[in-house]
């Protein structure tokens, strides 16, 4: 993932969004010595596009990206 623009920490997970490669990634940080990638999503043109996403907000179990 190149050019992370925002990071949001919730519990044992960190969420990152990249403007450059249109990717949202989730990382398990329960053991800071061993950070594990959990999942990622990349989309620059579809219905759920991350094109231009620069901010992450998590509220009431929902994740929002802002571009």
Protein backbone atom coordinates (compact mmCIF):
# COMPACT_ATOMS: atom_id res chain seq x y z
CA UNK A 1 0.00 0.00 0.00
CA UNK A 2 1.48 3.29 -1.11
CA UNK A 3 0.78 6.74 0.29
CA UNK A 4 -1.41 6.10 3.33
CA UNK A 5 -3.47 9.23 3.92
CA UNK A 6 -5.40 8.35 7.06
CA UNK A 7 -5.26 5.87 9.92
CA UNK A 8 -8.08 5.00 12.32
CA UNK A 9 -7.54 2.75 15.35
CA UNK A 10 -10.45 0.82 16.86
CA UNK A 11 -9.70 -1.81 19.47
CA UNK A 12 -7.15 -4.30 18.16
CA UNK A 13 -7.46 -3.10 14.56
CA UNK A 14 -6.05 -0.25 12.53
CA UNK A 15 -7.69 0.87 9.30
CA UNK A 16 -5.70 2.65 6.60
CA UNK A 17 -6.78 4.33 3.37
CA UNK A 18 -4.53 5.21 0.45
CA UNK A 19 -5.34 7.95 -2.04
CA UNK A 20 -2.66 6.76 -4.48
CA UNK A 21 -3.74 3.15 -4.95
CA UNK A 22 -7.42 3.45 -3.90
CA UNK A 23 -7.06 0.86 -1.14
CA UNK A 24 -8.61 0.40 2.28
CA UNK A 25 -6.70 -2.04 4.49
CA UNK A 26 -7.35 -3.57 7.91
CA UNK A 27 -4.50 -4.64 10.19
CA UNK A 28 -4.58 -6.65 13.44
CA UNK A 29 -2.44 -4.82 16.00
CA UNK A 30 -3.29 -6.95 19.05
CA UNK A 31 0.42 -7.85 19.20
CA UNK A 32 2.37 -4.69 18.27
CA UNK A 33 5.47 -6.81 17.63
CA UNK A 34 3.58 -8.81 14.99
CA UNK A 35 1.15 -6.65 12.98
CA UNK A 36 -0.95 -8.87 10.72
CA UNK A 37 -2.81 -7.79 7.57
CA UNK A 38 -6.46 -8.90 7.90
CA UNK A 39 -8.12 -7.64 4.75
CA UNK A 40 -7.97 -5.06 1.99
CA UNK A 41 -10.27 -3.60 -0.62
CA UNK A 42 -9.24 -1.79 -3.79
CA UNK A 43 -11.62 -0.06 -6.19
CA UNK A 44 -11.11 3.04 -8.30
CA UNK A 45 -14.14 2.93 -10.59
CA UNK A 46 -16.97 0.81 -9.16
CA UNK A 47 -20.04 1.62 -7.10
CA UNK A 48 -17.94 1.60 -3.93
CA UNK A 49 -14.98 3.48 -5.37
CA UNK A 50 -12.17 4.63 -3.12
CA UNK A 51 -10.87 7.00 -5.79
CA UNK A 52 -9.63 10.08 -3.97
CA UNK A 53 -10.33 8.74 -0.46
CA UNK A 54 -8.31 10.67 2.11
CA UNK A 55 -10.07 10.07 5.44
CA UNK A 56 -11.59 7.20 7.44
CA UNK A 57 -14.38 7.53 9.97
CA UNK A 58 -15.80 4.65 12.00
CA UNK A 59 -19.08 5.22 13.81
CA UNK A 60 -21.71 2.80 15.10
CA UNK A 61 -20.02 -0.23 13.49
CA UNK A 62 -19.90 1.45 10.06
CA UNK A 63 -16.78 2.56 8.24
CA UNK A 64 -16.95 5.65 6.02
CA UNK A 65 -14.35 7.08 3.68
CA UNK A 66 -14.20 10.72 2.67
CA UNK A 67 -12.78 12.04 -0.57
